[in-house]
Amino acid sequence: MIRFCSIASAHAVPHARVLAEALKQHHPEATLTLLVLDDAETVPAQPGLDIIRLDDLDGFPVDLELGDEALADLGEVSKPLLMELMLARDAAVAVFLEADVDVVDSLEPAIAPAQAGGVVLMPRLEDGIPDDGLEPTAGDLLDRGQTSSALVVAGGSEGRAFLSWWADNLIRTARSLDV
């Protein structure tokens, strides 16, 4: 079984609703599990959209103090924990998508490699950035990272190990930045 998941604040739930509809078009069996970071109680149910809250995540560090970008930080720390929850719910593969991703075709090419056990990450670029004096620059790419967490697919024991490492790393980093 494949489980799709995403994270949004209450004001971004409409993006997730569009994502759930797009997933249904290309993966008719799909249900999108949406972690709503704030005011989850106010989000009405919809077929194909399962709403959960932070208390549903195992291992979420409730003592974590977050800065000015609290919801964004909360979302980042929650991604691997949400994917771990999907795998714990008997999924062979967990697929995380940012709520504002536009799905225009089947995600099978990204899902298939993880079904054998492993992780699929999305590169920000297929080729390097040209040295043309324009933006973005290679330095911008280094600042943002080579991969995007807008699409992450994990399955099997290797996927679980990656998600555990990712969660531990994000939590440790967030704690080291506590003020």
N, C-alpha and C. Protein backbone atom coordinates (compact mmCIF):
# COMPACT_ATOMS: atom_id res chain seq x y z
N MET A 1 0.83 -1.17 0.00
CA MET A 1 0.00 0.00 0.00
C MET A 1 0.89 1.25 0.00
N ILE A 2 0.45 2.24 -0.72
CA ILE A 2 1.16 3.52 -0.79
C ILE A 2 0.34 4.54 -0.01
N ARG A 3 1.02 5.29 0.84
CA ARG A 3 0.34 6.36 1.59
C ARG A 3 0.95 7.69 1.21
N PHE A 4 0.08 8.61 0.82
CA PHE A 4 0.48 9.96 0.47
C PHE A 4 0.24 10.87 1.67
N CYS A 5 1.15 11.82 1.89
CA CYS A 5 0.98 12.72 3.02
C CYS A 5 1.52 14.11 2.69
N SER A 6 1.03 15.08 3.44
CA SER A 6 1.45 16.46 3.27
C SER A 6 1.26 17.19 4.59
N ILE A 7 1.76 18.42 4.64
CA ILE A 7 1.66 19.25 5.83
C ILE A 7 1.22 20.64 5.40
N ALA A 8 0.33 21.24 6.19
CA ALA A 8 -0.10 22.61 5.89
C ALA A 8 -0.56 23.29 7.17
N SER A 9 -0.47 24.60 7.17
CA SER A 9 -1.14 25.38 8.21
C SER A 9 -2.59 25.52 7.76
N ALA A 10 -3.46 25.93 8.67
CA ALA A 10 -4.89 26.00 8.36
C ALA A 10 -5.16 26.87 7.13
N HIS A 11 -4.43 27.97 6.99
CA HIS A 11 -4.70 28.85 5.84
C HIS A 11 -4.24 28.25 4.51
N ALA A 12 -3.40 27.23 4.53
CA ALA A 12 -2.92 26.60 3.30
C ALA A 12 -3.67 25.31 2.97
N VAL A 13 -4.70 24.98 3.75
CA VAL A 13 -5.47 23.75 3.49
C VAL A 13 -6.08 23.73 2.09
N PRO A 14 -6.53 24.87 1.53
CA PRO A 14 -7.05 24.80 0.16
C PRO A 14 -6.04 24.23 -0.85
N HIS A 15 -4.75 24.52 -0.66
CA HIS A 15 -3.73 23.92 -1.53
C HIS A 15 -3.75 22.40 -1.39
N ALA A 16 -3.86 21.93 -0.17
CA ALA A 16 -3.87 20.49 0.08
C ALA A 16 -5.12 19.84 -0.51
N ARG A 17 -6.23 20.53 -0.50
CA ARG A 17 -7.45 19.99 -1.10
C ARG A 17 -7.26 19.80 -2.61
N VAL A 18 -6.62 20.76 -3.26
CA VAL A 18 -6.32 20.65 -4.69
C VAL A 18 -5.36 19.48 -4.93
N LEU A 19 -4.36 19.35 -4.06
CA LEU A 19 -3.42 18.23 -4.16
C LEU A 19 -4.15 16.90 -4.02
N ALA A 20 -5.06 16.79 -3.06
CA ALA A 20 -5.82 15.54 -2.87
C ALA A 20 -6.62 15.19 -4.12
N GLU A 21 -7.24 16.20 -4.73
CA GLU A 21 -8.01 15.97 -5.97
C GLU A 21 -7.10 15.52 -7.11
N ALA A 22 -5.94 16.15 -7.24
CA ALA A 22 -4.99 15.77 -8.30
C ALA A 22 -4.49 14.34 -8.09
N LEU A 23 -4.21 13.99 -6.84
CA LEU A 23 -3.77 12.61 -6.56
C LEU A 23 -4.84 11.61 -6.96
N LYS A 24 -6.11 11.93 -6.65
CA LYS A 24 -7.21 11.03 -7.01
C LYS A 24 -7.29 10.81 -8.52
N GLN A 25 -6.97 11.85 -9.30
CA GLN A 25 -7.02 11.73 -10.76
C GLN A 25 -5.98 10.73 -11.26
N HIS A 26 -4.80 10.74 -10.66
CA HIS A 26 -3.70 9.92 -11.17
C HIS A 26 -3.45 8.66 -10.35
N HIS A 27 -4.00 8.62 -9.15
CA HIS A 27 -3.90 7.47 -8.25
C HIS A 27 -5.27 7.31 -7.59
N PRO A 28 -6.23 6.69 -8.28
CA PRO A 28 -7.62 6.63 -7.79
C PRO A 28 -7.78 6.06 -6.38
N GLU A 29 -6.86 5.22 -5.95
CA GLU A 29 -6.96 4.63 -4.62
C GLU A 29 -6.38 5.52 -3.53
N ALA A 30 -5.84 6.67 -3.91
CA ALA A 30 -5.09 7.52 -2.99
C ALA A 30 -5.98 8.25 -1.99
N THR A 31 -5.49 8.31 -0.77
CA THR A 31 -6.00 9.20 0.25
C THR A 31 -4.80 10.02 0.70
N LEU A 32 -4.98 11.30 0.85
CA LEU A 32 -3.92 12.17 1.31
C LEU A 32 -4.11 12.39 2.80
N THR A 33 -3.09 12.03 3.58
CA THR A 33 -3.11 12.32 5.01
C THR A 33 -2.46 13.68 5.19
N LEU A 34 -3.22 14.62 5.73
CA LEU A 34 -2.75 15.99 5.89
C LEU A 34 -2.54 16.31 7.36
N LEU A 35 -1.30 16.64 7.70
CA LEU A 35 -0.99 17.11 9.04
C LEU A 35 -1.24 18.62 9.05
N VAL A 36 -2.25 19.05 9.80
CA VAL A 36 -2.55 20.47 9.91
C VAL A 36 -1.87 20.98 11.17
N LEU A 37 -1.00 21.95 11.00
CA LEU A 37 -0.14 22.42 12.09
C LEU A 37 -0.86 23.28 13.12
N ASP A 38 -1.94 23.91 12.71
CA ASP A 38 -2.68 24.78 13.62
C ASP A 38 -4.17 24.68 13.31
N ASP A 39 -5.00 24.79 14.29
CA ASP A 39 -6.46 24.81 14.10
C ASP A 39 -6.99 23.63 13.28
N ALA A 40 -6.45 22.44 13.50
CA ALA A 40 -6.90 21.26 12.74
C ALA A 40 -8.38 20.97 12.96
N GLU A 41 -8.89 21.35 14.12
CA GLU A 41 -10.30 21.09 14.43
C GLU A 41 -11.24 21.85 13.52
N THR A 42 -10.77 22.95 12.94
CA THR A 42 -11.63 23.79 12.10
C THR A 42 -11.64 23.34 10.63
N VAL A 43 -10.83 22.35 10.29
CA VAL A 43 -10.74 21.90 8.89
C VAL A 43 -11.78 20.81 8.65
N PRO A 44 -12.76 21.07 7.77
CA PRO A 44 -13.78 20.06 7.52
C PRO A 44 -13.23 18.87 6.73
N ALA A 45 -13.82 17.72 6.99
CA ALA A 45 -13.41 16.50 6.30
C ALA A 45 -13.82 16.58 4.83
N GLN A 46 -13.15 15.76 4.05
CA GLN A 46 -13.42 15.69 2.61
C GLN A 46 -13.03 14.29 2.17
N PRO A 47 -13.78 13.67 1.27
CA PRO A 47 -13.36 12.36 0.76
C PRO A 47 -11.96 12.46 0.15
N GLY A 48 -11.11 11.51 0.49
CA GLY A 48 -9.75 11.49 -0.04
C GLY A 48 -8.77 12.33 0.75
N LEU A 49 -9.23 12.94 1.86
CA LEU A 49 -8.37 13.77 2.68
C LEU A 49 -8.57 13.40 4.14
N ASP A 50 -7.51 12.89 4.76
CA ASP A 50 -7.52 12.47 6.16
C ASP A 50 -6.74 13.51 6.96
N ILE A 51 -7.39 14.18 7.90
CA ILE A 51 -6.77 15.26 8.68
C ILE A 51 -6.23 14.69 9.99
N ILE A 52 -4.96 15.02 10.29
CA ILE A 52 -4.38 14.65 11.57
C ILE A 52 -3.72 15.88 12.20
N ARG A 53 -3.36 15.75 13.50
CA ARG A 53 -2.74 16.84 14.24
C ARG A 53 -1.36 16.41 14.74
N LEU A 54 -0.62 17.37 15.26
CA LEU A 54 0.73 17.07 15.77
C LEU A 54 0.71 15.98 16.84
N ASP A 55 -0.35 15.93 17.68
CA ASP A 55 -0.36 14.90 18.73
C ASP A 55 -0.45 13.49 18.16
N ASP A 56 -0.79 13.37 16.89
CA ASP A 56 -0.85 12.04 16.26
C ASP A 56 0.53 11.51 15.87
N LEU A 57 1.54 12.37 15.90
CA LEU A 57 2.89 11.96 15.51
C LEU A 57 3.64 11.37 16.70
N ASP A 58 4.21 10.20 16.51
CA ASP A 58 5.07 9.61 17.54
C ASP A 58 6.41 10.32 17.51
N GLY A 59 6.94 10.60 18.67
CA GLY A 59 8.29 11.13 18.75
C GLY A 59 8.40 12.61 18.50
N PHE A 60 7.25 13.34 18.39
CA PHE A 60 7.38 14.77 18.17
C PHE A 60 7.87 15.43 19.46
N PRO A 61 8.92 16.23 19.36
CA PRO A 61 9.51 16.85 20.55
C PRO A 61 8.66 18.02 21.06
N VAL A 62 7.74 17.74 21.98
CA VAL A 62 6.83 18.78 22.46
C VAL A 62 7.56 19.90 23.19
N ASP A 63 8.78 19.64 23.64
CA ASP A 63 9.55 20.65 24.34
C ASP A 63 10.34 21.55 23.40
N LEU A 64 10.20 21.35 22.11
CA LEU A 64 10.96 22.10 21.13
C LEU A 64 10.48 23.55 21.09
N GLU A 65 11.40 24.48 21.25
CA GLU A 65 11.07 25.90 21.14
C GLU A 65 11.46 26.36 19.75
N LEU A 66 10.51 27.02 19.09
CA LEU A 66 10.74 27.44 17.72
C LEU A 66 10.78 28.96 17.64
N GLY A 67 11.46 29.46 16.62
CA GLY A 67 11.65 30.89 16.47
C GLY A 67 10.50 31.60 15.79
N ASP A 68 10.83 32.69 15.12
CA ASP A 68 9.83 33.54 14.46
C ASP A 68 9.09 32.81 13.35
N GLU A 69 9.72 31.87 12.71
CA GLU A 69 9.10 31.11 11.62
C GLU A 69 8.56 29.79 12.17
N ALA A 70 7.84 29.86 13.28
CA ALA A 70 7.44 28.66 14.01
C ALA A 70 6.70 27.64 13.16
N LEU A 71 5.70 28.05 12.37
CA LEU A 71 4.95 27.08 11.58
C LEU A 71 5.82 26.43 10.51
N ALA A 72 6.66 27.22 9.86
CA ALA A 72 7.55 26.66 8.84
C ALA A 72 8.52 25.67 9.49
N ASP A 73 9.09 26.04 10.64
CA ASP A 73 10.01 25.15 11.35
C ASP A 73 9.29 23.88 11.79
N LEU A 74 8.08 24.03 12.29
CA LEU A 74 7.28 22.90 12.73
C LEU A 74 7.04 21.94 11.57
N GLY A 75 6.73 22.50 10.41
CA GLY A 75 6.50 21.68 9.23
C GLY A 75 7.73 20.90 8.83
N GLU A 76 8.89 21.55 8.86
CA GLU A 76 10.14 20.87 8.47
C GLU A 76 10.44 19.72 9.42
N VAL A 77 10.36 19.97 10.72
CA VAL A 77 10.66 18.93 11.71
C VAL A 77 9.66 17.78 11.61
N SER A 78 8.43 18.09 11.21
CA SER A 78 7.36 17.08 11.18
C SER A 78 7.41 16.16 9.96
N LYS A 79 8.06 16.56 8.87
CA LYS A 79 8.03 15.77 7.63
C LYS A 79 8.46 14.31 7.83
N PRO A 80 9.66 14.06 8.36
CA PRO A 80 10.04 12.65 8.49
C PRO A 80 9.18 11.90 9.51
N LEU A 81 8.70 12.59 10.54
CA LEU A 81 7.84 11.94 11.53
C LEU A 81 6.50 11.55 10.92
N LEU A 82 5.97 12.41 10.05
CA LEU A 82 4.72 12.09 9.35
C LEU A 82 4.92 10.89 8.43
N MET A 83 6.04 10.86 7.72
CA MET A 83 6.31 9.73 6.83
C MET A 83 6.50 8.44 7.63
N GLU A 84 7.15 8.54 8.78
CA GLU A 84 7.29 7.36 9.65
C GLU A 84 5.91 6.85 10.09
N LEU A 85 5.00 7.77 10.38
CA LEU A 85 3.64 7.38 10.76
C LEU A 85 2.96 6.64 9.61
N MET A 86 3.16 7.10 8.38
CA MET A 86 2.55 6.44 7.22
C MET A 86 3.06 5.00 7.10
N LEU A 87 4.37 4.82 7.29
CA LEU A 87 4.94 3.46 7.22
C LEU A 87 4.45 2.61 8.39
N ALA A 88 4.27 3.22 9.55
CA ALA A 88 3.76 2.48 10.71
C ALA A 88 2.31 2.04 10.51
N ARG A 89 1.61 2.74 9.64
CA ARG A 89 0.22 2.39 9.33
C ARG A 89 0.16 1.38 8.18
N ASP A 90 1.14 0.52 8.10
CA ASP A 90 1.18 -0.59 7.15
C ASP A 90 1.39 -0.18 5.70
N ALA A 91 1.94 0.99 5.47
CA ALA A 91 2.27 1.38 4.09
C ALA A 91 3.60 0.73 3.70
N ALA A 92 3.69 0.26 2.48
CA ALA A 92 4.97 -0.22 1.96
C ALA A 92 5.84 0.96 1.57
N VAL A 93 5.16 2.04 1.14
CA VAL A 93 5.85 3.25 0.69
C VAL A 93 5.10 4.47 1.21
N ALA A 94 5.85 5.44 1.71
CA ALA A 94 5.28 6.73 2.12
C ALA A 94 5.76 7.78 1.12
N VAL A 95 4.82 8.60 0.64
CA VAL A 95 5.13 9.65 -0.33
C VAL A 95 4.74 10.98 0.30
N PHE A 96 5.74 11.83 0.54
CA PHE A 96 5.47 13.18 1.05
C PHE A 96 5.47 14.15 -0.11
N LEU A 97 4.45 15.00 -0.16
CA LEU A 97 4.36 16.07 -1.15
C LEU A 97 4.04 17.37 -0.44
N GLU A 98 4.72 18.44 -0.81
CA GLU A 98 4.34 19.75 -0.28
C GLU A 98 2.91 20.03 -0.72
N ALA A 99 2.14 20.73 0.11
CA ALA A 99 0.73 20.96 -0.17
C ALA A 99 0.49 21.73 -1.45
N ASP A 100 1.46 22.54 -1.90
CA ASP A 100 1.25 23.33 -3.10
C ASP A 100 1.87 22.72 -4.36
N VAL A 101 2.24 21.45 -4.29
CA VAL A 101 2.77 20.75 -5.47
C VAL A 101 1.62 20.47 -6.44
N ASP A 102 1.89 20.64 -7.71
CA ASP A 102 0.90 20.38 -8.74
C ASP A 102 1.19 19.01 -9.36
N VAL A 103 0.36 18.03 -9.10
CA VAL A 103 0.54 16.69 -9.65
C VAL A 103 -0.21 16.63 -10.97
N VAL A 104 0.53 16.42 -12.06
CA VAL A 104 -0.08 16.42 -13.39
C VAL A 104 -0.02 15.06 -14.08
N ASP A 105 0.57 14.08 -13.41
CA ASP A 105 0.66 12.74 -13.98
C ASP A 105 0.90 11.77 -12.83
N SER A 106 0.96 10.51 -13.16
CA SER A 106 1.22 9.49 -12.14
C SER A 106 2.60 9.70 -11.51
N LEU A 107 2.68 9.43 -10.23
CA LEU A 107 3.96 9.52 -9.51
C LEU A 107 4.68 8.18 -9.47
N GLU A 108 4.18 7.23 -10.23
CA GLU A 108 4.76 5.88 -10.25
C GLU A 108 6.27 5.87 -10.52
N PRO A 109 6.78 6.70 -11.45
CA PRO A 109 8.24 6.69 -11.67
C PRO A 109 9.04 7.07 -10.42
N ALA A 110 8.46 7.87 -9.54
CA ALA A 110 9.15 8.22 -8.29
C ALA A 110 8.90 7.19 -7.20
N ILE A 111 7.76 6.51 -7.27
CA ILE A 111 7.39 5.54 -6.23
C ILE A 111 8.09 4.20 -6.43
N ALA A 112 8.18 3.75 -7.67
CA ALA A 112 8.71 2.40 -7.98
C ALA A 112 10.07 2.13 -7.34
N PRO A 113 11.05 3.02 -7.44
CA PRO A 113 12.36 2.70 -6.84
C PRO A 113 12.30 2.49 -5.32
N ALA A 114 11.41 3.19 -4.65
CA ALA A 114 11.31 3.05 -3.19
C ALA A 114 10.56 1.78 -2.79
N GLN A 115 9.78 1.21 -3.69
CA GLN A 115 9.03 0.01 -3.36
C GLN A 115 9.97 -1.17 -3.07
N ALA A 116 11.12 -1.16 -3.67
CA ALA A 116 12.10 -2.21 -3.41
C ALA A 116 12.86 -1.94 -2.11
N GLY A 117 12.62 -0.80 -1.51
CA GLY A 117 13.31 -0.42 -0.27
C GLY A 117 14.33 0.65 -0.56
N GLY A 118 14.09 1.83 -0.06
CA GLY A 118 15.01 2.92 -0.27
C GLY A 118 14.32 4.26 -0.22
N VAL A 119 15.00 5.26 -0.76
CA VAL A 119 14.53 6.64 -0.70
C VAL A 119 14.66 7.28 -2.08
N VAL A 120 13.68 8.09 -2.44
CA VAL A 120 13.75 8.88 -3.65
C VAL A 120 13.65 10.34 -3.23
N LEU A 121 14.65 11.13 -3.63
CA LEU A 121 14.66 12.56 -3.36
C LEU A 121 14.62 13.30 -4.68
N MET A 122 14.05 14.48 -4.68
CA MET A 122 13.92 15.26 -5.91
C MET A 122 15.03 16.31 -5.99
N PRO A 123 15.83 16.23 -7.04
CA PRO A 123 16.85 17.27 -7.20
C PRO A 123 16.19 18.61 -7.56
N ARG A 124 16.81 19.68 -7.12
CA ARG A 124 16.28 21.01 -7.49
C ARG A 124 16.50 21.28 -8.98
N LEU A 125 17.60 20.78 -9.52
CA LEU A 125 17.93 20.99 -10.93
C LEU A 125 18.49 19.72 -11.52
N GLU A 126 18.26 19.52 -12.81
CA GLU A 126 18.87 18.38 -13.49
C GLU A 126 20.31 18.70 -13.86
N ASP A 127 20.57 19.94 -14.20
CA ASP A 127 21.91 20.38 -14.58
C ASP A 127 22.33 21.49 -13.63
N GLY A 128 23.60 21.83 -13.67
CA GLY A 128 24.10 22.91 -12.82
C GLY A 128 23.57 24.27 -13.26
N ILE A 129 23.84 25.26 -12.46
CA ILE A 129 23.43 26.62 -12.76
C ILE A 129 24.53 27.26 -13.60
N PRO A 130 24.17 27.89 -14.72
CA PRO A 130 25.21 28.51 -15.56
C PRO A 130 25.85 29.70 -14.85
N ASP A 131 27.11 29.92 -15.12
CA ASP A 131 27.84 31.05 -14.56
C ASP A 131 27.66 32.24 -15.49
N ASP A 132 26.44 32.83 -15.47
CA ASP A 132 26.11 33.90 -16.41
C ASP A 132 25.87 35.24 -15.72
N GLY A 133 26.17 35.31 -14.41
CA GLY A 133 25.99 36.56 -13.69
C GLY A 133 24.56 36.84 -13.29
N LEU A 134 23.64 35.95 -13.65
CA LEU A 134 22.23 36.12 -13.29
C LEU A 134 21.91 35.29 -12.05
N GLU A 135 20.73 35.49 -11.52
CA GLU A 135 20.28 34.70 -10.39
C GLU A 135 19.30 33.66 -10.86
N PRO A 136 19.22 32.52 -10.24
CA PRO A 136 19.98 32.11 -9.07
C PRO A 136 21.43 31.78 -9.44
N THR A 137 22.26 31.81 -8.42
CA THR A 137 23.68 31.49 -8.60
C THR A 137 23.95 30.11 -8.01
N ALA A 138 25.13 29.60 -8.28
CA ALA A 138 25.52 28.32 -7.69
C ALA A 138 25.52 28.44 -6.17
N GLY A 139 25.89 29.60 -5.63
CA GLY A 139 25.84 29.83 -4.19
C GLY A 139 24.43 29.75 -3.63
N ASP A 140 23.45 30.26 -4.41
CA ASP A 140 22.05 30.17 -3.99
C ASP A 140 21.64 28.70 -3.86
N LEU A 141 22.05 27.90 -4.82
CA LEU A 141 21.73 26.48 -4.80
C LEU A 141 22.38 25.80 -3.59
N LEU A 142 23.61 26.16 -3.29
CA LEU A 142 24.28 25.60 -2.12
C LEU A 142 23.55 25.98 -0.84
N ASP A 143 23.07 27.23 -0.77
CA ASP A 143 22.33 27.68 0.41
C ASP A 143 21.03 26.91 0.59
N ARG A 144 20.34 26.61 -0.50
CA ARG A 144 19.05 25.93 -0.44
C ARG A 144 19.17 24.41 -0.38
N GLY A 145 20.29 23.88 -0.86
CA GLY A 145 20.48 22.43 -0.89
C GLY A 145 20.27 21.86 -2.27
N GLN A 146 20.92 20.76 -2.55
CA GLN A 146 20.84 20.12 -3.87
C GLN A 146 19.49 19.44 -4.11
N THR A 147 18.82 19.05 -3.02
CA THR A 147 17.54 18.37 -3.17
C THR A 147 16.44 19.20 -2.53
N SER A 148 15.23 18.96 -2.98
CA SER A 148 14.04 19.64 -2.46
C SER A 148 13.23 18.63 -1.66
N SER A 149 12.67 19.07 -0.55
CA SER A 149 11.81 18.16 0.21
C SER A 149 10.36 18.29 -0.23
N ALA A 150 10.12 18.88 -1.40
CA ALA A 150 8.76 18.98 -1.93
C ALA A 150 8.22 17.60 -2.32
N LEU A 151 9.11 16.67 -2.62
CA LEU A 151 8.75 15.29 -2.92
C LEU A 151 9.80 14.39 -2.29
N VAL A 152 9.35 13.55 -1.35
CA VAL A 152 10.23 12.55 -0.72
C VAL A 152 9.45 11.24 -0.70
N VAL A 153 10.09 10.17 -1.15
CA VAL A 153 9.45 8.85 -1.17
C VAL A 153 10.36 7.90 -0.41
N ALA A 154 9.78 7.11 0.51
CA ALA A 154 10.59 6.17 1.30
C ALA A 154 9.84 4.86 1.49
N GLY A 155 10.59 3.77 1.45
CA GLY A 155 10.00 2.45 1.66
C GLY A 155 11.03 1.47 2.19
N GLY A 156 10.56 0.39 2.78
CA GLY A 156 11.45 -0.66 3.28
C GLY A 156 12.30 -0.21 4.46
N SER A 157 13.18 -1.11 4.87
CA SER A 157 14.02 -0.82 6.03
C SER A 157 15.00 0.32 5.77
N GLU A 158 15.47 0.43 4.52
CA GLU A 158 16.37 1.54 4.19
C GLU A 158 15.65 2.88 4.28
N GLY A 159 14.41 2.91 3.82
CA GLY A 159 13.60 4.13 3.92
C GLY A 159 13.33 4.51 5.36
N ARG A 160 13.02 3.51 6.18
CA ARG A 160 12.78 3.76 7.61
C ARG A 160 14.04 4.30 8.28
N ALA A 161 15.18 3.72 7.94
CA ALA A 161 16.45 4.18 8.53
C ALA A 161 16.73 5.63 8.12
N PHE A 162 16.48 5.97 6.87
CA PHE A 162 16.68 7.34 6.40
C PHE A 162 15.76 8.30 7.16
N LEU A 163 14.48 7.94 7.28
CA LEU A 163 13.53 8.82 7.97
C LEU A 163 13.91 9.02 9.43
N SER A 164 14.38 7.97 10.07
CA SER A 164 14.83 8.09 11.46
C SER A 164 16.03 9.03 11.57
N TRP A 165 16.99 8.87 10.65
CA TRP A 165 18.16 9.75 10.64
C TRP A 165 17.75 11.19 10.38
N TRP A 166 16.86 11.39 9.40
CA TRP A 166 16.40 12.73 9.04
C TRP A 166 15.70 13.40 10.22
N ALA A 167 14.79 12.68 10.87
CA ALA A 167 14.06 13.23 12.02
C ALA A 167 15.03 13.60 13.14
N ASP A 168 15.93 12.68 13.49
CA ASP A 168 16.91 12.95 14.56
C ASP A 168 17.76 14.17 14.23
N ASN A 169 18.20 14.26 12.98
CA ASN A 169 19.03 15.38 12.56
C ASN A 169 18.28 16.71 12.65
N LEU A 170 17.03 16.75 12.17
CA LEU A 170 16.24 17.99 12.22
C LEU A 170 15.95 18.40 13.66
N ILE A 171 15.61 17.45 14.50
CA ILE A 171 15.31 17.77 15.90
C ILE A 171 16.56 18.26 16.61
N ARG A 172 17.67 17.58 16.39
CA ARG A 172 18.94 18.00 17.01
C ARG A 172 19.33 19.41 16.56
N THR A 173 19.18 19.68 15.26
CA THR A 173 19.50 21.00 14.73
C THR A 173 18.58 22.06 15.32
N ALA A 174 17.27 21.77 15.38
CA ALA A 174 16.31 22.73 15.93
C ALA A 174 16.62 23.02 17.40
N ARG A 175 17.00 21.99 18.15
CA ARG A 175 17.33 22.20 19.57
C ARG A 175 18.60 23.04 19.72
N SER A 176 19.54 22.87 18.82
CA SER A 176 20.79 23.63 18.92
C SER A 176 20.56 25.11 18.58
N LEU A 177 19.44 25.41 17.90
CA LEU A 177 19.12 26.79 17.54
C LEU A 177 18.19 27.45 18.53
N ASP A 178 17.70 26.68 19.53
CA ASP A 178 16.81 27.25 20.54
C ASP A 178 17.42 28.49 21.15
N VAL A 179 16.58 29.48 21.38
CA VAL A 179 17.06 30.71 22.02
C VAL A 179 16.52 30.85 23.42
